[in-house]
Every structure is written in structure tokens, then in C-alpha cells.
Amino acid sequence: MKAEDFNLGADVFTSDGKHVGTLESVLVGGDDYSLKALIVKESPDFSGFTRSPESWLLADEVAVPRDGVREVKHERVDLALGSAEVRKLPPYLGFRYEGESRLEEIEDMAQALFSNPSIPHSLEEVANKPASELEVEDGENVMLGHTGKKLGEVKGVLFDGDDLVGVVMLPGGLLQREVILPRRFLDRSDDAALFANLTDADLEHLEPFRPAD
């Protein structure tokens, strides 16, 4: 796999040619940010959602292990797994029960009465992953250290084999081009944002991102 090939939003296909959905995010693990899995959002047809449109608890994201990926190109990911194997993968997102206020109970009842299904307030979405693994997703904020300043948003991830090289970032402001934020500048991260430690000079010298053909 080439470093520039992990494009969040790329179409994902099974080994028997079925369109699964799109590459939603990646899971990286530990201090070395090594690749652990791809998070794939299934299409309504593949997940069966088109046959059960009111099933708001229907899981439609799966974590495909690193060894389940055959080939990655900028606009397409091919899995080493067939359709049946992908459908046997456990859901990436689960639900955890939490108490809710009286107002939230009333809102849930109203949604049910007016056929507007949504996840009840009493259920919280949780990711089925170890705490040591970090999810990097499309549109995630990239923050400047502890300053509270937003540098931009994640648009892709770059790997050399299983090693994270950096992230593709779209800086804030108008008429900005995607740039490469090298791994060495990632200071710390959580599942809500990536944090970068850069100087103004570093920002001015980030290389533009040019995807492979």
C-alpha cells in the first residue's frame, strides 16, 4: 500500500465484488499509531437498512482487521473478505443504557408517536474498541496544542505499511489546499480531536497533498 492511498470516504468492496460502503475512519493503536483496523460504514443495501428503515438500532459500521484488507487505492478499498465474512464481523458501534430525565422521556415518546425514530436519550453510542486504540475520522478537528486554536480538519491518513506517516489536513479559511501534517507534529490525541505541536514557521512549510492517480 502506498502512503497516500488511505482516502477517507473511498468506496469499499468485498473480495467477491460487492459494494460494502465507504471508508469511515481508521483505528490506530498505542504510542506508535500503527494501523489496527479500517472502520467501514455499510451502505443501506449491504446492511439491510433499506428493508428496515425504522430500525434505528441497526448497526451499520464494522471494524475490518488490518489483515482483512487486500488492496487500497485512493478512491477504492478492496477487502480480502467475502460478503458473508464481512456480515459476520461484529458491529463497531454499540449502545449503553443510561438514565434519562423526564423531559427526555417525553421527547422519546413524541418521536415514537409521530413515526420519527431516533436513538432514545437513554442509550449512548459506544465504540467497540480497546481504550488504547484511537479512531481517526474524516472531518475530525486538528487543534494547535493546548491553545484551543483549530488548525483544520482531517481529510485522509498516510501510512507506510502499518506505520502512520501523517494525516492529510484541510486548513481553515477560504481557498485552502490540503496539506500533509507529518506524524512527528502530532503531540497527543483523543477520539474528539488530533492535537499538533507546531510553530508558525512549521505551518508555512507544510507540503501540499497530491493524491496518487
Protein backbone atom coordinates (compact mmCIF):
# COMPACT_ATOMS: atom_id res chain seq x y z
CA MET A 1 0.00 0.00 0.00
CA LYS A 2 1.25 3.49 -0.82
CA ALA A 3 1.32 6.13 1.87
CA GLU A 4 -1.09 8.44 0.05
CA ASP A 5 -3.70 5.77 -0.58
CA PHE A 6 -5.86 5.95 2.55
CA ASN A 7 -8.63 8.32 1.46
CA LEU A 8 -11.44 8.62 3.98
CA GLY A 9 -14.70 8.30 2.06
CA ALA A 10 -13.32 5.82 -0.51
CA ASP A 11 -15.63 3.04 -1.71
CA VAL A 12 -15.06 -0.39 -0.14
CA PHE A 13 -15.62 -3.71 -1.94
CA THR A 14 -15.61 -7.34 -0.81
CA SER A 15 -13.42 -10.00 -2.43
CA ASP A 16 -16.48 -11.18 -4.39
CA GLY A 17 -17.06 -7.71 -5.82
CA LYS A 18 -19.93 -6.48 -3.62
CA HIS A 19 -20.01 -2.81 -2.67
CA VAL A 20 -19.90 -2.67 1.14
CA GLY A 21 -19.96 1.08 1.68
CA THR A 22 -17.34 3.72 2.41
CA LEU A 23 -14.18 4.03 4.47
CA GLU A 24 -15.35 5.99 7.51
CA SER A 25 -12.21 6.12 9.65
CA VAL A 26 -9.16 4.17 10.74
CA LEU A 27 -8.11 2.74 14.10
CA VAL A 28 -4.53 3.24 15.17
CA GLY A 29 -3.02 1.80 18.32
CA GLY A 30 -0.57 2.76 21.01
CA ASP A 31 2.13 5.40 21.02
CA ASP A 32 3.37 4.34 17.58
CA TYR A 33 -0.04 4.94 15.91
CA SER A 34 0.22 1.65 13.97
CA LEU A 35 -2.75 0.65 11.83
CA LYS A 36 -5.14 -1.76 13.54
CA ALA A 37 -8.37 -1.70 11.52
CA LEU A 38 -10.49 0.15 8.99
CA ILE A 39 -13.94 1.34 10.04
CA VAL A 40 -16.36 0.82 7.15
CA LYS A 41 -19.83 2.37 7.03
CA GLU A 42 -22.07 -0.07 5.21
CA SER A 43 -24.44 1.13 2.51
CA PRO A 44 -28.21 0.76 3.19
CA ASP A 45 -28.37 -2.07 0.65
CA PHE A 46 -25.47 -4.04 2.12
CA SER A 47 -26.55 -3.58 5.74
CA GLY A 48 -30.21 -4.35 5.03
CA PHE A 49 -31.35 -0.94 6.26
CA THR A 50 -33.42 -0.38 3.10
CA ARG A 51 -35.59 -3.31 4.23
CA SER A 52 -35.98 -1.94 7.75
CA PRO A 53 -35.94 1.87 7.53
CA GLU A 54 -37.32 2.38 11.05
CA SER A 55 -34.68 0.20 12.75
CA TRP A 56 -32.72 2.96 14.44
CA LEU A 57 -30.63 0.41 16.34
CA LEU A 58 -29.41 -1.29 13.19
CA ALA A 59 -25.59 -1.23 13.32
CA ASP A 60 -24.08 -0.10 10.02
CA GLU A 61 -20.37 0.26 10.85
CA VAL A 62 -17.90 -2.60 11.12
CA ALA A 63 -14.20 -2.76 12.00
CA VAL A 64 -12.27 -4.67 9.34
CA PRO A 65 -8.99 -6.00 10.81
CA ARG A 66 -5.75 -4.96 9.12
CA ASP A 67 -5.24 -8.46 7.70
CA GLY A 68 -8.71 -8.32 6.12
CA VAL A 69 -7.58 -5.60 3.68
CA ARG A 70 -6.23 -6.75 0.31
CA GLU A 71 -5.54 -3.51 -1.60
CA VAL A 72 -6.01 0.19 -1.02
CA LYS A 73 -6.14 2.85 -3.71
CA HIS A 74 -7.08 6.50 -3.36
CA GLU A 75 -10.72 6.03 -4.37
CA ARG A 76 -11.20 2.32 -3.67
CA VAL A 77 -10.51 -0.26 -0.95
CA ASP A 78 -10.62 -3.98 -1.78
CA LEU A 79 -11.03 -6.41 1.10
CA ALA A 80 -9.67 -9.92 1.40
CA LEU A 81 -13.04 -10.91 2.88
CA GLY A 82 -16.16 -12.06 1.06
CA SER A 83 -19.63 -10.61 1.63
CA ALA A 84 -20.63 -13.34 4.09
CA GLU A 85 -17.44 -12.81 6.11
CA VAL A 86 -17.97 -9.05 6.32
CA ARG A 87 -21.55 -9.53 7.51
CA LYS A 88 -20.24 -11.75 10.33
CA LEU A 89 -17.94 -9.03 11.65
CA PRO A 90 -19.14 -7.57 14.98
CA PRO A 91 -20.62 -4.06 14.87
CA TYR A 92 -18.20 -1.27 15.63
CA LEU A 93 -20.75 0.83 17.50
CA GLY A 94 -22.79 -0.48 20.39
CA PHE A 95 -25.26 1.04 22.82
CA ARG A 96 -25.06 1.53 26.58
CA TYR A 97 -28.08 2.28 28.77
CA GLU A 98 -28.09 5.48 30.79
CA GLY A 99 -30.82 7.10 32.81
CA GLU A 100 -32.77 9.97 31.26
CA SER A 101 -34.66 12.99 32.53
CA ARG A 102 -38.44 13.32 32.43
CA LEU A 103 -38.13 15.80 29.56
CA GLU A 104 -36.02 13.33 27.57
CA GLU A 105 -38.60 10.58 28.22
CA ILE A 106 -41.34 12.85 26.81
CA GLU A 107 -39.24 13.63 23.73
CA ASP A 108 -38.66 9.92 23.10
CA MET A 109 -42.40 9.21 23.38
CA ALA A 110 -43.20 12.02 20.93
CA GLN A 111 -40.70 10.70 18.40
CA ALA A 112 -42.26 7.24 18.61
CA LEU A 113 -45.84 8.58 18.27
CA PHE A 114 -45.04 10.69 15.22
CA SER A 115 -43.06 7.94 13.44
CA ASN A 116 -39.79 9.83 13.66
CA PRO A 117 -37.48 7.13 15.03
CA SER A 118 -34.18 8.10 16.57
CA ILE A 119 -31.86 6.76 19.24
CA PRO A 120 -33.51 7.28 22.66
CA HIS A 121 -31.74 9.54 25.15
CA SER A 122 -31.37 6.54 27.46
CA LEU A 123 -28.98 4.88 25.03
CA GLU A 124 -25.42 6.10 24.47
CA GLU A 125 -23.37 5.02 21.46
CA VAL A 126 -20.06 3.42 22.39
CA ALA A 127 -17.25 2.22 20.13
CA ASN A 128 -16.29 -1.43 20.48
CA LYS A 129 -12.53 -0.92 20.63
CA PRO A 130 -9.76 -1.07 23.23
CA ALA A 131 -9.07 2.16 25.09
CA SER A 132 -5.51 2.04 23.72
CA GLU A 133 -6.75 2.46 20.15
CA LEU A 134 -7.59 5.82 18.61
CA GLU A 135 -10.13 6.48 15.85
CA VAL A 136 -9.10 9.00 13.19
CA GLU A 137 -12.06 10.06 11.05
CA ASP A 138 -12.97 12.36 8.21
CA GLY A 139 -13.67 15.92 9.33
CA GLU A 140 -12.04 15.47 12.74
CA ASN A 141 -10.62 18.70 14.17
CA VAL A 142 -6.87 19.26 14.28
CA MET A 143 -6.04 21.60 17.17
CA LEU A 144 -2.90 23.64 17.84
CA GLY A 145 -1.52 22.19 21.06
CA HIS A 146 -3.30 23.47 24.18
CA THR A 147 -4.19 26.86 22.68
CA GLY A 148 -7.75 26.00 21.66
CA LYS A 149 -6.98 27.18 18.12
CA LYS A 150 -8.28 25.00 15.31
CA LEU A 151 -5.76 24.37 12.54
CA GLY A 152 -8.05 22.47 10.20
CA GLU A 153 -9.83 19.16 9.60
CA VAL A 154 -8.67 15.64 8.79
CA LYS A 155 -9.31 14.56 5.20
CA GLY A 156 -7.14 11.45 4.96
CA VAL A 157 -4.40 9.39 6.58
CA LEU A 158 -1.00 8.39 5.22
CA PHE A 159 0.59 5.04 6.03
CA ASP A 160 3.84 3.36 5.08
CA GLY A 161 2.85 -0.26 5.55
CA ASP A 162 1.29 -0.26 9.03
CA ASP A 163 3.16 2.84 10.20
CA LEU A 164 1.35 6.17 10.31
CA VAL A 165 3.28 8.76 8.27
CA GLY A 166 0.90 11.66 8.86
CA VAL A 167 -2.58 12.99 8.20
CA VAL A 168 -4.00 14.93 5.26
CA MET A 169 -5.37 18.18 6.68
CA LEU A 170 -7.56 20.86 5.14
CA PRO A 171 -6.57 24.12 6.88
CA GLY A 172 -9.23 26.60 7.95
CA GLY A 173 -10.09 29.64 5.86
CA LEU A 174 -11.07 30.18 2.25
CA LEU A 175 -9.34 28.76 -0.80
CA GLN A 176 -7.12 26.46 1.24
CA ARG A 177 -5.44 23.36 -0.20
CA GLU A 178 -4.98 20.06 1.57
CA VAL A 179 -1.57 19.68 3.21
CA ILE A 180 0.37 16.87 4.85
CA LEU A 181 0.77 17.07 8.63
CA PRO A 182 3.66 14.70 9.46
CA ARG A 183 3.36 12.27 12.35
CA ARG A 184 6.21 13.98 14.24
CA PHE A 185 3.98 17.02 14.85
CA LEU A 186 1.13 15.05 16.46
CA ASP A 187 1.57 15.81 20.11
CA ARG A 188 -1.38 13.97 21.68
CA SER A 189 -4.81 12.86 20.57
CA ASP A 190 -8.19 11.62 21.69
CA ASP A 191 -11.31 10.44 19.87
CA ALA A 192 -12.62 14.01 19.65
CA ALA A 193 -9.62 15.72 18.04
CA LEU A 194 -6.00 15.48 17.00
CA PHE A 195 -3.54 17.82 18.70
CA ALA A 196 -0.49 19.16 16.89
CA ASN A 197 2.61 20.90 18.20
CA LEU A 198 3.86 23.31 15.52
CA THR A 199 5.37 26.76 15.15
CA ASP A 200 4.23 29.39 12.64
CA ALA A 201 7.28 28.52 10.54
CA ASP A 202 6.29 24.85 10.55
CA LEU A 203 2.78 25.73 9.35
CA GLU A 204 4.13 27.76 6.44
CA HIS A 205 6.29 24.87 5.23
CA LEU A 206 3.76 22.01 5.28
CA GLU A 207 3.80 20.22 1.93
CA PRO A 208 0.64 20.23 -0.23
CA PHE A 209 -1.07 16.87 -0.59
CA ARG A 210 -1.10 15.37 -4.09
CA PRO A 211 -3.03 12.07 -4.23
CA ALA A 212 -1.75 9.26 -6.43
CA ASP A 213 -3.54 8.66 -9.72
